[in-house]
């Protein structure tokens, strides 16, 4: 059995100062970390390497900031071909286009990012996963994923690592707010 940490869209240096302090708690038992792009700083790899060997691919913001990484990567783990690519498709997160990327890479599983929203979806015998973002999620909680690969079988779990950071998810009622009739 191999346990893999999945992460994407960390944006360290352009949108946040650092990775979440509690990240190592969730990745403490992983043997490998796959980062699906938009690190925006190579410091992210240095920090993740303190936890486990890390493979990262380039996202659109990495290109903007001059972070030189491969565009895609394929890793075979216990007979399962896992592809990693940022997943710059329009509209963001379009699973049909992500399936095409997986077919181009000839993989069983595609790990992508870009949407800042977690996703686990089966598309014609290809598993599409997006770990979301632990630092700048979009209309969701900060997340990473844990992927278990054993005897050619894959299991993926979304891990919420903190409270919502998106103000649109703050549903607390305020005094004299039109929502509470005040």
Protein backbone atom coordinates (compact mmCIF):
# COMPACT_ATOMS: atom_id res chain seq x y z
CA UNK A 1 0.00 0.00 0.00
CA UNK A 2 1.20 3.50 -0.89
CA UNK A 3 -0.25 6.65 0.67
CA UNK A 4 0.09 9.81 -1.43
CA UNK A 5 -0.63 13.40 -0.42
CA UNK A 6 -2.34 15.51 -3.09
CA UNK A 7 -2.19 19.30 -3.06
CA UNK A 8 -2.67 22.16 -5.50
CA UNK A 9 -3.04 25.91 -5.82
CA UNK A 10 -0.98 26.89 -2.79
CA UNK A 11 -0.06 30.36 -4.16
CA UNK A 12 2.69 30.92 -1.59
CA UNK A 13 4.31 34.29 -2.20
CA UNK A 14 1.59 35.83 -4.33
CA UNK A 15 -1.59 35.32 -2.26
CA UNK A 16 -0.38 33.86 1.05
CA UNK A 17 2.86 33.97 3.03
CA UNK A 18 3.23 30.24 3.74
CA UNK A 19 1.68 26.81 3.65
CA UNK A 20 -0.79 26.04 6.45
CA UNK A 21 1.09 25.15 9.63
CA UNK A 22 -1.04 22.03 10.17
CA UNK A 23 -0.33 20.54 6.72
CA UNK A 24 2.34 18.16 8.03
CA UNK A 25 -0.24 16.69 10.44
CA UNK A 26 -2.41 15.53 7.52
CA UNK A 27 0.54 14.38 5.37
CA UNK A 28 2.56 12.77 8.18
CA UNK A 29 2.24 9.20 6.86
CA UNK A 30 2.48 9.86 3.11
CA UNK A 31 5.29 8.36 1.03
CA UNK A 32 4.91 10.85 -1.83
CA UNK A 33 3.35 14.27 -2.39
CA UNK A 34 1.96 15.31 -5.79
CA UNK A 35 1.42 19.05 -6.30
CA UNK A 36 -0.83 19.96 -9.25
CA UNK A 37 0.55 23.45 -9.84
CA UNK A 38 0.28 27.11 -8.90
CA UNK A 39 2.91 26.89 -6.19
CA UNK A 40 4.12 30.39 -7.26
CA UNK A 41 7.30 29.80 -5.25
CA UNK A 42 9.83 26.96 -5.18
CA UNK A 43 9.80 27.37 -1.37
CA UNK A 44 6.66 25.21 -1.48
CA UNK A 45 8.65 22.23 -2.77
CA UNK A 46 11.33 22.81 -0.12
CA UNK A 47 8.69 22.78 2.63
CA UNK A 48 6.83 19.75 1.26
CA UNK A 49 10.11 17.83 0.84
CA UNK A 50 10.52 18.05 4.64
CA UNK A 51 7.43 15.82 4.82
CA UNK A 52 7.93 13.45 1.85
CA UNK A 53 9.44 13.34 -1.64
CA UNK A 54 7.49 15.82 -3.77
CA UNK A 55 6.67 16.02 -7.47
CA UNK A 56 5.17 19.27 -8.75
CA UNK A 57 3.94 20.51 -12.13
CA UNK A 58 3.61 24.02 -13.48
CA UNK A 59 0.38 25.98 -13.23
CA UNK A 60 -0.62 29.14 -15.05
CA UNK A 61 0.50 31.40 -12.18
CA UNK A 62 3.82 29.55 -11.99
CA UNK A 63 4.48 30.60 -15.58
CA UNK A 64 3.52 34.18 -14.66
CA UNK A 65 6.02 34.19 -11.78
CA UNK A 66 8.74 32.35 -13.71
CA UNK A 67 8.58 29.12 -11.70
CA UNK A 68 10.10 26.55 -14.05
CA UNK A 69 8.47 23.14 -13.59
CA UNK A 70 7.31 20.39 -15.96
CA UNK A 71 3.87 20.92 -17.49
CA UNK A 72 2.83 17.36 -16.64
CA UNK A 73 4.13 14.24 -14.94
CA UNK A 74 3.15 10.58 -14.97
CA UNK A 75 3.98 8.34 -12.02
CA UNK A 76 3.20 4.62 -11.87
CA UNK A 77 2.36 3.40 -8.37
CA UNK A 78 1.50 -0.27 -7.77
CA UNK A 79 0.46 -0.67 -11.40
CA UNK A 80 -1.70 2.48 -11.48
CA UNK A 81 -0.66 5.26 -13.87
CA UNK A 82 -1.23 8.62 -12.17
CA UNK A 83 -0.99 11.80 -14.24
CA UNK A 84 -0.49 15.24 -12.78
CA UNK A 85 -1.32 18.37 -14.76
CA UNK A 86 -2.64 21.74 -13.61
CA UNK A 87 -5.80 21.36 -15.68
CA UNK A 88 -6.15 24.75 -17.31
CA UNK A 89 -9.47 24.20 -19.05
CA UNK A 90 -12.34 26.56 -19.70
CA UNK A 91 -14.69 26.50 -17.94
CA UNK A 92 -12.54 25.68 -14.92
CA UNK A 93 -12.92 22.09 -13.77
CA UNK A 94 -14.69 20.90 -16.95
CA UNK A 95 -14.52 17.12 -16.51
CA UNK A 96 -14.90 16.29 -20.20
CA UNK A 97 -11.77 18.30 -21.03
CA UNK A 98 -9.96 16.86 -18.01
CA UNK A 99 -10.83 13.38 -19.28
CA UNK A 100 -9.24 14.27 -22.64
CA UNK A 101 -6.08 15.40 -20.83
CA UNK A 102 -6.00 12.07 -18.97
CA UNK A 103 -6.38 10.18 -22.26
CA UNK A 104 -3.53 12.20 -23.82
CA UNK A 105 -1.34 11.28 -20.84
CA UNK A 106 -2.59 7.65 -21.04
CA UNK A 107 -3.29 7.48 -17.29
CA UNK A 108 -5.77 5.77 -14.99
CA UNK A 109 -5.96 8.74 -12.61
CA UNK A 110 -5.58 12.46 -13.33
CA UNK A 111 -4.66 14.82 -10.50
CA UNK A 112 -5.40 18.40 -11.50
CA UNK A 113 -5.94 21.79 -9.89
CA UNK A 114 -6.78 25.27 -11.21
CA UNK A 115 -10.40 25.42 -9.99
CA UNK A 116 -9.48 25.73 -6.28
CA UNK A 117 -12.35 23.30 -5.58
CA UNK A 118 -12.04 19.62 -4.63
CA UNK A 119 -13.34 17.03 -7.07
CA UNK A 120 -13.54 13.24 -7.18
CA UNK A 121 -15.25 11.96 -10.31
CA UNK A 122 -15.13 8.83 -12.43
CA UNK A 123 -15.15 9.56 -16.19
CA UNK A 124 -15.24 6.49 -18.44
CA UNK A 125 -12.83 4.40 -16.34
CA UNK A 126 -10.57 7.38 -15.56
CA UNK A 127 -10.54 8.79 -12.03
CA UNK A 128 -10.40 12.60 -12.02
CA UNK A 129 -9.31 14.21 -8.76
CA UNK A 130 -8.64 17.77 -7.72
CA UNK A 131 -7.43 18.36 -4.14
CA UNK A 132 -8.76 21.92 -4.10
CA UNK A 133 -6.61 24.54 -2.38
CA UNK A 134 -5.35 24.55 1.21
CA UNK A 135 -4.75 28.32 1.10
CA UNK A 136 -7.16 30.04 -1.33
CA UNK A 137 -10.21 27.81 -1.87
CA UNK A 138 -13.05 29.08 -4.03
CA UNK A 139 -16.52 28.76 -2.45
CA UNK A 140 -15.41 25.78 -0.38
CA UNK A 141 -13.25 24.89 2.60
CA UNK A 142 -9.43 24.66 2.45
CA UNK A 143 -8.62 21.10 1.40
CA UNK A 144 -5.98 18.57 0.41
CA UNK A 145 -6.44 14.88 -0.43
CA UNK A 146 -5.02 11.55 0.59
CA UNK A 147 -4.80 8.87 -2.08
CA UNK A 148 -4.26 5.22 -1.18
CA UNK A 149 -3.03 2.87 -3.90
CA UNK A 150 -3.04 -0.83 -3.13
CA UNK A 151 -2.92 -3.78 -5.52
CA UNK A 152 -4.03 -1.64 -8.46
CA UNK A 153 -6.96 -0.11 -6.55
CA UNK A 154 -7.25 3.59 -5.74
CA UNK A 155 -9.10 5.27 -2.88
CA UNK A 156 -9.19 9.05 -2.46
CA UNK A 157 -10.29 11.09 0.54
CA UNK A 158 -10.90 14.86 0.72
CA UNK A 159 -9.38 16.33 3.88
CA UNK A 160 -10.70 19.63 5.21
CA UNK A 161 -7.73 21.32 6.87
CA UNK A 162 -9.28 24.50 8.25
CA UNK A 163 -12.28 26.81 8.44
CA UNK A 164 -13.64 28.53 5.32
CA UNK A 165 -11.48 31.39 4.10
CA UNK A 166 -13.94 32.57 1.46
CA UNK A 167 -16.12 35.42 2.78
CA UNK A 168 -19.02 34.08 0.70
CA UNK A 169 -19.17 31.10 3.08
CA UNK A 170 -19.51 33.22 6.21
CA UNK A 171 -23.17 32.61 7.07
CA UNK A 172 -23.12 34.19 10.52
CA UNK A 173 -26.05 36.54 11.01
CA UNK A 174 -25.20 40.07 11.98
CA UNK A 175 -27.42 42.39 14.01
CA UNK A 176 -29.56 44.65 11.82
CA UNK A 177 -28.83 42.49 8.80
CA UNK A 178 -31.62 42.23 6.27
CA UNK A 179 -31.31 38.41 6.43
CA UNK A 180 -32.45 38.24 10.06
CA UNK A 181 -35.26 40.72 9.59
CA UNK A 182 -33.55 43.36 11.75
